[in-house]
Amino acid sequence: MLSVDLVDIWQCYLRTVNDWKVLIKDRLSKQTACGPVYELANAIERANESFAIADMRNVPCAMPHYHRGETEDAIWQREVRPFLPVILSANSAEA
């Protein structure tokens, strides 16, 4: 499945959620540099994938990152990392 397809599936699910705070109600959070993170059941039932909500409202600056061994890692390695030198070069030229 292409990453675009996966994003579409998650977007369809998330459109059914009127308030994300309902999903985390009565759940314990893990404190991280990205703010409190709430681990939830995978709503679209994909094997070997997890789902979490990070409440980043009080994080002054978020840095891009990925989690090794997870879907994000595969997407990062395949679609972002090869272009990182070009992205960084373009950003430094703009400065």
N, C-alpha and C. Protein backbone atom coordinates (compact mmCIF):
# COMPACT_ATOMS: atom_id res chain seq x y z
N MET A 1 0.85 -1.17 0.00
CA MET A 1 0.00 0.00 0.00
C MET A 1 0.89 1.23 0.00
N LEU A 2 0.57 2.16 -0.87
CA LEU A 2 1.33 3.41 -0.92
C LEU A 2 1.02 4.26 0.30
N SER A 3 1.99 5.06 0.69
CA SER A 3 1.79 5.89 1.88
C SER A 3 0.63 6.86 1.70
N VAL A 4 0.37 7.30 0.46
CA VAL A 4 -0.76 8.19 0.20
C VAL A 4 -2.07 7.49 0.52
N ASP A 5 -2.18 6.22 0.15
CA ASP A 5 -3.38 5.44 0.46
C ASP A 5 -3.58 5.33 1.96
N LEU A 6 -2.51 5.10 2.68
CA LEU A 6 -2.57 4.98 4.13
C LEU A 6 -3.04 6.29 4.76
N VAL A 7 -2.53 7.40 4.27
CA VAL A 7 -2.96 8.71 4.77
C VAL A 7 -4.46 8.90 4.51
N ASP A 8 -4.92 8.52 3.34
CA ASP A 8 -6.35 8.64 3.02
C ASP A 8 -7.22 7.83 3.98
N ILE A 9 -6.78 6.62 4.30
CA ILE A 9 -7.54 5.77 5.23
C ILE A 9 -7.61 6.42 6.60
N TRP A 10 -6.47 6.92 7.10
CA TRP A 10 -6.47 7.58 8.41
C TRP A 10 -7.31 8.85 8.39
N GLN A 11 -7.24 9.60 7.30
CA GLN A 11 -8.04 10.82 7.22
C GLN A 11 -9.53 10.50 7.27
N CYS A 12 -9.95 9.45 6.60
CA CYS A 12 -11.36 9.04 6.65
C CYS A 12 -11.77 8.73 8.09
N TYR A 13 -10.93 7.99 8.79
CA TYR A 13 -11.24 7.67 10.19
C TYR A 13 -11.30 8.94 11.04
N LEU A 14 -10.29 9.79 10.90
CA LEU A 14 -10.22 10.97 11.76
C LEU A 14 -11.35 11.97 11.49
N ARG A 15 -11.92 11.93 10.29
CA ARG A 15 -13.09 12.79 10.03
C ARG A 15 -14.30 12.38 10.87
N THR A 16 -14.29 11.14 11.37
CA THR A 16 -15.41 10.67 12.20
C THR A 16 -15.25 11.09 13.65
N VAL A 17 -14.09 11.64 13.98
CA VAL A 17 -13.80 12.05 15.36
C VAL A 17 -14.02 13.55 15.47
N ASN A 18 -15.03 13.94 16.23
CA ASN A 18 -15.33 15.37 16.37
C ASN A 18 -14.35 16.08 17.29
N ASP A 19 -13.84 15.40 18.29
CA ASP A 19 -12.93 16.01 19.25
C ASP A 19 -11.90 14.98 19.68
N TRP A 20 -10.64 15.21 19.35
CA TRP A 20 -9.59 14.24 19.67
C TRP A 20 -9.48 13.99 21.16
N LYS A 21 -9.91 14.95 21.97
CA LYS A 21 -9.80 14.79 23.42
C LYS A 21 -10.70 13.66 23.93
N VAL A 22 -11.73 13.34 23.18
CA VAL A 22 -12.61 12.22 23.55
C VAL A 22 -11.83 10.91 23.47
N LEU A 23 -10.93 10.80 22.49
CA LEU A 23 -10.15 9.57 22.31
C LEU A 23 -9.18 9.34 23.47
N ILE A 24 -8.71 10.40 24.12
CA ILE A 24 -7.72 10.25 25.18
C ILE A 24 -8.31 10.32 26.58
N LYS A 25 -9.62 10.54 26.65
CA LYS A 25 -10.28 10.66 27.95
C LYS A 25 -10.00 9.42 28.82
N ASP A 26 -9.62 9.65 30.05
CA ASP A 26 -9.35 8.59 31.04
C ASP A 26 -8.14 7.70 30.68
N ARG A 27 -7.28 8.16 29.79
CA ARG A 27 -6.07 7.39 29.45
C ARG A 27 -4.86 8.05 30.09
N LEU A 28 -3.93 7.23 30.51
CA LEU A 28 -2.67 7.75 31.05
C LEU A 28 -1.77 8.15 29.89
N SER A 29 -1.00 9.21 30.10
CA SER A 29 -0.09 9.65 29.06
C SER A 29 1.34 9.33 29.44
N LYS A 30 2.17 9.27 28.43
CA LYS A 30 3.61 9.12 28.62
C LYS A 30 4.20 10.50 28.33
N GLN A 31 4.97 11.05 29.25
CA GLN A 31 5.56 12.37 29.05
C GLN A 31 6.78 12.25 28.15
N THR A 32 6.81 13.02 27.07
CA THR A 32 7.92 12.99 26.11
C THR A 32 8.30 14.41 25.73
N ALA A 33 9.34 14.55 24.93
CA ALA A 33 9.75 15.87 24.43
C ALA A 33 8.68 16.46 23.51
N CYS A 34 7.80 15.62 23.00
CA CYS A 34 6.70 16.08 22.14
C CYS A 34 5.44 16.37 22.94
N GLY A 35 5.57 16.42 24.25
CA GLY A 35 4.39 16.61 25.10
C GLY A 35 3.84 15.27 25.52
N PRO A 36 2.68 15.28 26.18
CA PRO A 36 2.08 14.01 26.59
C PRO A 36 1.66 13.18 25.37
N VAL A 37 1.99 11.90 25.40
CA VAL A 37 1.64 10.99 24.30
C VAL A 37 0.68 9.94 24.84
N TYR A 38 -0.41 9.74 24.14
CA TYR A 38 -1.44 8.78 24.52
C TYR A 38 -1.44 7.64 23.52
N GLU A 39 -1.11 6.44 23.98
CA GLU A 39 -1.13 5.25 23.13
C GLU A 39 -2.56 4.73 23.05
N LEU A 40 -3.04 4.50 21.84
CA LEU A 40 -4.41 4.06 21.62
C LEU A 40 -4.44 2.80 20.77
N ALA A 41 -5.57 2.15 20.75
CA ALA A 41 -5.74 0.99 19.86
C ALA A 41 -5.72 1.48 18.42
N ASN A 42 -5.22 0.66 17.52
CA ASN A 42 -5.17 1.02 16.11
C ASN A 42 -6.59 0.95 15.54
N ALA A 43 -7.13 2.09 15.22
CA ALA A 43 -8.53 2.18 14.79
C ALA A 43 -8.79 1.59 13.41
N ILE A 44 -7.77 1.48 12.59
CA ILE A 44 -7.99 0.93 11.25
C ILE A 44 -7.48 -0.51 11.13
N GLU A 45 -7.13 -1.08 12.28
CA GLU A 45 -6.80 -2.50 12.40
C GLU A 45 -5.74 -2.98 11.43
N ARG A 46 -4.65 -2.25 11.34
CA ARG A 46 -3.50 -2.69 10.52
C ARG A 46 -2.51 -3.40 11.44
N ALA A 47 -2.14 -4.59 11.05
CA ALA A 47 -1.22 -5.39 11.86
C ALA A 47 0.13 -4.69 12.00
N ASN A 48 0.73 -4.86 13.16
CA ASN A 48 2.07 -4.34 13.44
C ASN A 48 2.18 -2.83 13.40
N GLU A 49 1.08 -2.13 13.57
CA GLU A 49 1.12 -0.68 13.64
C GLU A 49 0.44 -0.21 14.91
N SER A 50 0.93 0.89 15.42
CA SER A 50 0.33 1.47 16.62
C SER A 50 -0.26 2.84 16.28
N PHE A 51 -0.99 3.39 17.22
CA PHE A 51 -1.63 4.69 17.02
C PHE A 51 -1.46 5.47 18.31
N ALA A 52 -1.02 6.69 18.19
CA ALA A 52 -0.83 7.51 19.38
C ALA A 52 -1.19 8.95 19.04
N ILE A 53 -1.59 9.68 20.05
CA ILE A 53 -1.84 11.11 19.90
C ILE A 53 -0.86 11.82 20.81
N ALA A 54 -0.13 12.77 20.24
CA ALA A 54 0.78 13.61 21.01
C ALA A 54 0.14 14.99 21.14
N ASP A 55 -0.06 15.43 22.36
CA ASP A 55 -0.63 16.75 22.61
C ASP A 55 0.53 17.75 22.62
N MET A 56 0.75 18.37 21.48
CA MET A 56 1.91 19.25 21.30
C MET A 56 1.56 20.72 21.44
N ARG A 57 0.41 21.00 22.04
CA ARG A 57 -0.02 22.40 22.14
C ARG A 57 0.94 23.27 22.94
N ASN A 58 1.69 22.70 23.87
CA ASN A 58 2.61 23.49 24.68
C ASN A 58 4.07 23.29 24.30
N VAL A 59 4.31 22.71 23.14
CA VAL A 59 5.68 22.50 22.66
C VAL A 59 6.05 23.70 21.78
N PRO A 60 7.05 24.46 22.19
CA PRO A 60 7.37 25.69 21.44
C PRO A 60 7.92 25.42 20.04
N CYS A 61 8.65 24.32 19.86
CA CYS A 61 9.24 24.03 18.55
C CYS A 61 9.33 22.51 18.40
N ALA A 62 8.71 21.98 17.38
CA ALA A 62 8.75 20.54 17.14
C ALA A 62 9.78 20.23 16.07
N MET A 63 10.59 19.22 16.32
CA MET A 63 11.59 18.80 15.36
C MET A 63 11.12 17.53 14.66
N PRO A 64 11.33 17.44 13.34
CA PRO A 64 10.95 16.21 12.64
C PRO A 64 11.73 15.03 13.20
N HIS A 65 11.09 13.89 13.29
CA HIS A 65 11.74 12.69 13.77
C HIS A 65 10.97 11.48 13.27
N TYR A 66 11.54 10.32 13.46
CA TYR A 66 10.84 9.09 13.08
C TYR A 66 11.14 8.02 14.12
N HIS A 67 10.36 6.99 14.10
CA HIS A 67 10.50 5.90 15.05
C HIS A 67 11.02 4.67 14.32
N ARG A 68 12.17 4.19 14.70
CA ARG A 68 12.78 3.03 14.03
C ARG A 68 11.86 1.81 14.09
N GLY A 69 11.77 1.14 12.94
CA GLY A 69 11.02 -0.11 12.89
C GLY A 69 9.52 0.08 12.70
N GLU A 70 9.06 1.32 12.58
CA GLU A 70 7.63 1.56 12.40
C GLU A 70 7.38 2.07 10.99
N THR A 71 6.13 2.21 10.64
CA THR A 71 5.75 2.67 9.30
C THR A 71 6.44 3.97 8.95
N GLU A 72 6.51 4.89 9.93
CA GLU A 72 7.16 6.17 9.68
C GLU A 72 8.59 5.96 9.24
N ASP A 73 9.27 4.98 9.81
CA ASP A 73 10.65 4.72 9.47
C ASP A 73 10.76 4.29 8.01
N ALA A 74 9.89 3.40 7.58
CA ALA A 74 9.93 2.92 6.19
C ALA A 74 9.66 4.07 5.22
N ILE A 75 8.69 4.90 5.53
CA ILE A 75 8.36 6.05 4.68
C ILE A 75 9.54 7.02 4.66
N TRP A 76 10.11 7.30 5.84
CA TRP A 76 11.27 8.19 5.94
C TRP A 76 12.41 7.67 5.06
N GLN A 77 12.75 6.40 5.22
CA GLN A 77 13.88 5.83 4.49
C GLN A 77 13.65 5.86 2.98
N ARG A 78 12.42 5.60 2.55
CA ARG A 78 12.11 5.49 1.13
C ARG A 78 11.84 6.83 0.47
N GLU A 79 11.10 7.73 1.17
CA GLU A 79 10.59 8.92 0.51
C GLU A 79 11.22 10.24 0.94
N VAL A 80 11.78 10.31 2.12
CA VAL A 80 12.32 11.59 2.60
C VAL A 80 13.84 11.59 2.59
N ARG A 81 14.42 10.58 3.20
CA ARG A 81 15.88 10.58 3.38
C ARG A 81 16.65 10.79 2.09
N PRO A 82 16.28 10.16 0.95
CA PRO A 82 17.05 10.38 -0.28
C PRO A 82 17.08 11.84 -0.72
N PHE A 83 16.07 12.61 -0.35
CA PHE A 83 15.98 14.00 -0.78
C PHE A 83 16.46 14.99 0.28
N LEU A 84 16.87 14.50 1.43
CA LEU A 84 17.27 15.38 2.52
C LEU A 84 18.39 16.35 2.13
N PRO A 85 19.44 15.91 1.43
CA PRO A 85 20.48 16.89 1.06
C PRO A 85 19.93 18.03 0.20
N VAL A 86 19.00 17.73 -0.70
CA VAL A 86 18.40 18.75 -1.55
C VAL A 86 17.55 19.70 -0.71
N ILE A 87 16.77 19.15 0.23
CA ILE A 87 15.92 19.96 1.10
C ILE A 87 16.77 20.88 1.95
N LEU A 88 17.81 20.34 2.56
CA LEU A 88 18.69 21.15 3.42
C LEU A 88 19.41 22.22 2.61
N SER A 89 19.84 21.88 1.41
CA SER A 89 20.52 22.84 0.55
C SER A 89 19.57 23.98 0.17
N ALA A 90 18.34 23.66 -0.16
CA ALA A 90 17.36 24.69 -0.51
C ALA A 90 17.06 25.58 0.66
N ASN A 91 16.94 25.00 1.86
CA ASN A 91 16.66 25.80 3.06
C ASN A 91 17.81 26.73 3.39
N SER A 92 19.06 26.27 3.24
CA SER A 92 20.20 27.14 3.56
C SER A 92 20.34 28.24 2.53
N ALA A 93 19.95 28.00 1.29
CA ALA A 93 20.01 29.03 0.26
C ALA A 93 19.00 30.14 0.52
N GLU A 94 17.87 29.78 1.14
CA GLU A 94 16.83 30.76 1.46
C GLU A 94 17.23 31.66 2.61
N ALA A 95 18.10 31.18 3.49
CA ALA A 95 18.46 31.94 4.70
C ALA A 95 19.29 33.15 4.41
